[in-house]
Every structure is written in structure tokens, then in C-alpha cells.
């Protein structure tokens, strides 16, 4: 499905392609697609929400719940429904 190298600020991660005969390939492909879409959504929303006065909600542990969180949740629920 994929292969390559990911560069992080402090390390490099190398990953290899899954064989087309992998027993869970039919589950992995849609999951990877959902992850890519979620990344695009949050990347797109991050500059907008960071510069706005929208504070979002806070959970019991005081961590924020943002518009991006809700958008990704909607995306994942939609994909799981299919």
C-alpha cells in the first residue's frame, strides 16, 4: 500500500509496504484513507482556529475539544457507517 521515509524533527522513521496478500488489507486501506482525510481536515482548520477567538470546549481533564476534533469525529462516524 505504501512505503517510504518520514522525517521528524528529532528522528527518521522508515516504513515498508504491506503486501497485497495481507490478511487485513481490506480493513487497512479504508482506515488509512480516513487517517489521511482527518489529517487534511485538522491541518486545514488549525490556522483558522488558532487565529480566531473560538476557544472550544474543555473536557474534565482541562484538555481542549476543538472544531477539528468534531470534524474528525464526524468524518470517522460517516466512514464507519459505510
N, C-alpha and C. Protein backbone atom coordinates (compact mmCIF):
# COMPACT_ATOMS: atom_id res chain seq x y z
N UNK A 1 0.83 -1.19 0.00
CA UNK A 1 0.00 0.00 0.00
C UNK A 1 0.87 1.24 0.00
N UNK A 2 1.86 1.29 0.84
CA UNK A 2 2.71 2.48 0.94
C UNK A 2 4.10 2.06 1.38
N UNK A 3 5.02 2.91 1.11
CA UNK A 3 6.38 2.73 1.62
C UNK A 3 7.09 4.07 1.55
N UNK A 4 8.11 4.21 2.33
CA UNK A 4 8.86 5.46 2.29
C UNK A 4 9.50 5.78 3.61
N UNK A 5 9.89 7.04 3.75
CA UNK A 5 10.56 7.52 4.95
C UNK A 5 9.86 8.77 5.44
N UNK A 6 9.65 8.86 6.73
CA UNK A 6 9.05 10.03 7.35
C UNK A 6 10.13 10.70 8.18
N UNK A 7 10.32 11.98 7.95
CA UNK A 7 11.32 12.73 8.70
C UNK A 7 10.63 13.50 9.81
N UNK A 8 11.07 13.32 11.03
CA UNK A 8 10.58 14.06 12.18
C UNK A 8 11.69 15.00 12.61
N UNK A 9 11.33 15.97 13.43
CA UNK A 9 12.35 16.92 13.86
C UNK A 9 13.48 16.25 14.61
N UNK A 10 13.18 15.16 15.32
CA UNK A 10 14.23 14.53 16.10
C UNK A 10 14.62 13.13 15.64
N UNK A 11 13.90 12.59 14.65
CA UNK A 11 14.20 11.23 14.22
C UNK A 11 13.69 10.97 12.82
N UNK A 12 14.04 9.84 12.28
CA UNK A 12 13.56 9.40 10.98
C UNK A 12 12.91 8.03 11.15
N UNK A 13 11.73 7.87 10.58
CA UNK A 13 11.03 6.61 10.65
C UNK A 13 10.88 6.05 9.25
N UNK A 14 11.27 4.82 9.06
CA UNK A 14 11.14 4.16 7.77
C UNK A 14 10.04 3.11 7.87
N UNK A 15 9.19 3.06 6.86
CA UNK A 15 8.15 2.06 6.85
C UNK A 15 8.13 1.38 5.49
N UNK A 16 7.61 0.18 5.46
CA UNK A 16 7.58 -0.60 4.22
C UNK A 16 6.14 -0.88 3.80
N UNK A 17 5.98 -1.24 2.56
CA UNK A 17 4.66 -1.50 2.01
C UNK A 17 4.09 -2.80 2.55
N UNK A 18 2.78 -2.81 2.71
CA UNK A 18 2.11 -4.05 3.06
C UNK A 18 1.92 -4.87 1.79
N UNK A 19 2.09 -6.16 1.88
CA UNK A 19 1.87 -6.98 0.69
C UNK A 19 0.38 -7.01 0.34
N UNK A 20 0.09 -7.11 -0.94
CA UNK A 20 -1.30 -7.16 -1.39
C UNK A 20 -2.02 -8.39 -0.85
N UNK A 21 -1.29 -9.34 -0.31
CA UNK A 21 -1.89 -10.55 0.26
C UNK A 21 -2.10 -10.45 1.77
N UNK A 22 -1.84 -9.29 2.35
CA UNK A 22 -2.00 -9.11 3.80
C UNK A 22 -3.44 -9.45 4.17
N UNK A 23 -3.65 -10.24 5.23
CA UNK A 23 -5.00 -10.70 5.57
C UNK A 23 -5.98 -9.59 5.97
N UNK A 24 -5.47 -8.45 6.41
CA UNK A 24 -6.35 -7.35 6.83
C UNK A 24 -6.30 -6.16 5.88
N UNK A 25 -5.85 -6.38 4.68
CA UNK A 25 -5.69 -5.28 3.72
C UNK A 25 -7.00 -4.55 3.46
N UNK A 26 -8.10 -5.29 3.37
CA UNK A 26 -9.39 -4.65 3.09
C UNK A 26 -9.84 -3.76 4.25
N UNK A 27 -9.37 -4.00 5.46
CA UNK A 27 -9.67 -3.13 6.59
C UNK A 27 -8.67 -1.99 6.70
N UNK A 28 -7.44 -2.26 6.33
CA UNK A 28 -6.38 -1.26 6.47
C UNK A 28 -6.53 -0.12 5.46
N UNK A 29 -6.89 -0.43 4.23
CA UNK A 29 -7.00 0.61 3.20
C UNK A 29 -7.99 1.70 3.59
N UNK A 30 -9.23 1.38 4.00
CA UNK A 30 -10.14 2.45 4.39
C UNK A 30 -9.68 3.19 5.65
N UNK A 31 -9.02 2.48 6.56
CA UNK A 31 -8.51 3.13 7.76
C UNK A 31 -7.45 4.17 7.41
N UNK A 32 -6.54 3.81 6.52
CA UNK A 32 -5.51 4.76 6.09
C UNK A 32 -6.13 5.95 5.36
N UNK A 33 -7.14 5.69 4.56
CA UNK A 33 -7.84 6.77 3.87
C UNK A 33 -8.48 7.73 4.87
N UNK A 34 -9.10 7.18 5.91
CA UNK A 34 -9.71 8.01 6.95
C UNK A 34 -8.67 8.84 7.68
N UNK A 35 -7.52 8.24 7.98
CA UNK A 35 -6.45 8.96 8.65
C UNK A 35 -5.94 10.11 7.80
N UNK A 36 -5.76 9.86 6.51
CA UNK A 36 -5.30 10.93 5.61
C UNK A 36 -6.31 12.07 5.56
N UNK A 37 -7.60 11.74 5.45
CA UNK A 37 -8.65 12.77 5.42
C UNK A 37 -8.68 13.54 6.73
N UNK A 38 -8.56 12.85 7.85
CA UNK A 38 -8.57 13.50 9.15
C UNK A 38 -7.38 14.47 9.28
N UNK A 39 -6.23 14.05 8.79
CA UNK A 39 -5.04 14.92 8.82
C UNK A 39 -5.26 16.17 7.98
N UNK A 40 -5.85 16.00 6.81
CA UNK A 40 -6.12 17.17 5.95
C UNK A 40 -7.09 18.13 6.62
N UNK A 41 -8.14 17.58 7.24
CA UNK A 41 -9.13 18.44 7.91
C UNK A 41 -8.48 19.23 9.03
N UNK A 42 -7.77 18.55 9.92
CA UNK A 42 -7.19 19.25 11.07
C UNK A 42 -6.09 20.23 10.64
N UNK A 43 -5.33 19.86 9.62
CA UNK A 43 -4.30 20.77 9.10
C UNK A 43 -4.94 22.02 8.51
N UNK A 44 -6.06 21.83 7.83
CA UNK A 44 -6.76 22.96 7.23
C UNK A 44 -7.38 23.86 8.30
N UNK A 45 -7.95 23.27 9.34
CA UNK A 45 -8.62 24.05 10.38
C UNK A 45 -7.68 24.67 11.39
N UNK A 46 -6.51 24.11 11.58
CA UNK A 46 -5.61 24.58 12.63
C UNK A 46 -5.27 26.07 12.53
N UNK A 47 -4.85 26.58 11.38
CA UNK A 47 -4.53 28.01 11.35
C UNK A 47 -5.75 28.88 11.60
N UNK A 48 -6.92 28.43 11.15
CA UNK A 48 -8.14 29.20 11.33
C UNK A 48 -8.52 29.29 12.79
N UNK A 49 -8.53 28.16 13.47
CA UNK A 49 -8.93 28.18 14.88
C UNK A 49 -7.88 28.79 15.78
N UNK A 50 -6.63 28.66 15.43
CA UNK A 50 -5.55 29.24 16.25
C UNK A 50 -5.60 30.76 16.24
N UNK A 51 -6.05 31.34 15.13
CA UNK A 51 -6.08 32.80 15.00
C UNK A 51 -7.43 33.40 15.37
N UNK A 52 -8.41 32.57 15.67
CA UNK A 52 -9.74 33.08 15.99
C UNK A 52 -9.92 33.20 17.49
N UNK A 53 -11.05 33.73 17.85
CA UNK A 53 -11.39 33.83 19.27
C UNK A 53 -12.20 32.62 19.73
N UNK A 54 -12.27 31.59 18.92
CA UNK A 54 -13.03 30.40 19.28
C UNK A 54 -12.19 29.59 20.26
N UNK A 55 -12.73 29.40 21.43
CA UNK A 55 -11.94 28.71 22.45
C UNK A 55 -12.21 27.21 22.49
N UNK A 56 -13.35 26.78 21.98
CA UNK A 56 -13.69 25.37 22.02
C UNK A 56 -14.22 24.98 23.39
N UNK A 57 -14.31 23.71 23.64
CA UNK A 57 -14.79 23.19 24.91
C UNK A 57 -13.63 22.57 25.66
N UNK A 58 -13.82 22.40 26.94
CA UNK A 58 -12.80 21.72 27.74
C UNK A 58 -13.39 20.47 28.36
N UNK A 59 -12.61 19.38 28.33
CA UNK A 59 -13.02 18.14 28.97
C UNK A 59 -12.71 18.22 30.46
N UNK A 60 -13.12 17.19 31.19
CA UNK A 60 -12.89 17.17 32.64
C UNK A 60 -11.43 17.31 32.99
N UNK A 61 -10.54 16.81 32.12
CA UNK A 61 -9.10 16.91 32.40
C UNK A 61 -8.51 18.23 31.92
N UNK A 62 -9.36 19.17 31.52
CA UNK A 62 -9.00 20.51 31.07
C UNK A 62 -8.35 20.54 29.69
N UNK A 63 -8.29 19.40 28.99
CA UNK A 63 -7.76 19.43 27.62
C UNK A 63 -8.86 19.92 26.69
N UNK A 64 -8.48 20.67 25.66
CA UNK A 64 -9.49 21.27 24.78
C UNK A 64 -10.10 20.29 23.79
N UNK A 65 -11.34 20.55 23.43
CA UNK A 65 -12.02 19.88 22.33
C UNK A 65 -12.24 20.96 21.28
N UNK A 66 -11.68 20.78 20.10
CA UNK A 66 -11.71 21.84 19.09
C UNK A 66 -12.68 21.51 17.96
N UNK A 67 -12.85 22.48 17.08
CA UNK A 67 -13.66 22.28 15.88
C UNK A 67 -13.08 21.13 15.06
N UNK A 68 -11.77 21.04 15.01
CA UNK A 68 -11.12 19.95 14.29
C UNK A 68 -11.48 18.59 14.87
N UNK A 69 -11.58 18.50 16.20
CA UNK A 69 -11.98 17.25 16.84
C UNK A 69 -13.38 16.84 16.40
N UNK A 70 -14.30 17.80 16.39
CA UNK A 70 -15.66 17.49 15.96
C UNK A 70 -15.71 17.11 14.48
N UNK A 71 -14.92 17.80 13.66
CA UNK A 71 -14.89 17.49 12.22
C UNK A 71 -14.37 16.08 11.98
N UNK A 72 -13.30 15.72 12.66
CA UNK A 72 -12.73 14.38 12.50
C UNK A 72 -13.70 13.32 13.03
N UNK A 73 -14.36 13.60 14.14
CA UNK A 73 -15.34 12.67 14.67
C UNK A 73 -16.45 12.42 13.65
N UNK A 74 -16.95 13.49 13.02
CA UNK A 74 -17.99 13.34 12.02
C UNK A 74 -17.51 12.53 10.83
N UNK A 75 -16.28 12.78 10.40
CA UNK A 75 -15.69 12.04 9.28
C UNK A 75 -15.60 10.55 9.60
N UNK A 76 -15.05 10.22 10.76
CA UNK A 76 -14.88 8.81 11.14
C UNK A 76 -16.25 8.13 11.28
N UNK A 77 -17.21 8.78 11.91
CA UNK A 77 -18.54 8.17 12.05
C UNK A 77 -19.17 7.94 10.68
N UNK A 78 -18.99 8.89 9.77
CA UNK A 78 -19.52 8.73 8.42
C UNK A 78 -18.88 7.55 7.71
N UNK A 79 -17.57 7.43 7.83
CA UNK A 79 -16.86 6.32 7.16
C UNK A 79 -17.21 4.98 7.79
N UNK A 80 -17.41 4.94 9.09
CA UNK A 80 -17.78 3.69 9.75
C UNK A 80 -19.19 3.24 9.36
N UNK A 81 -20.03 4.22 9.09
CA UNK A 81 -21.40 3.92 8.69
C UNK A 81 -21.45 3.20 7.34
N UNK A 82 -20.47 3.48 6.49
CA UNK A 82 -20.44 2.89 5.15
C UNK A 82 -20.07 1.50 5.25
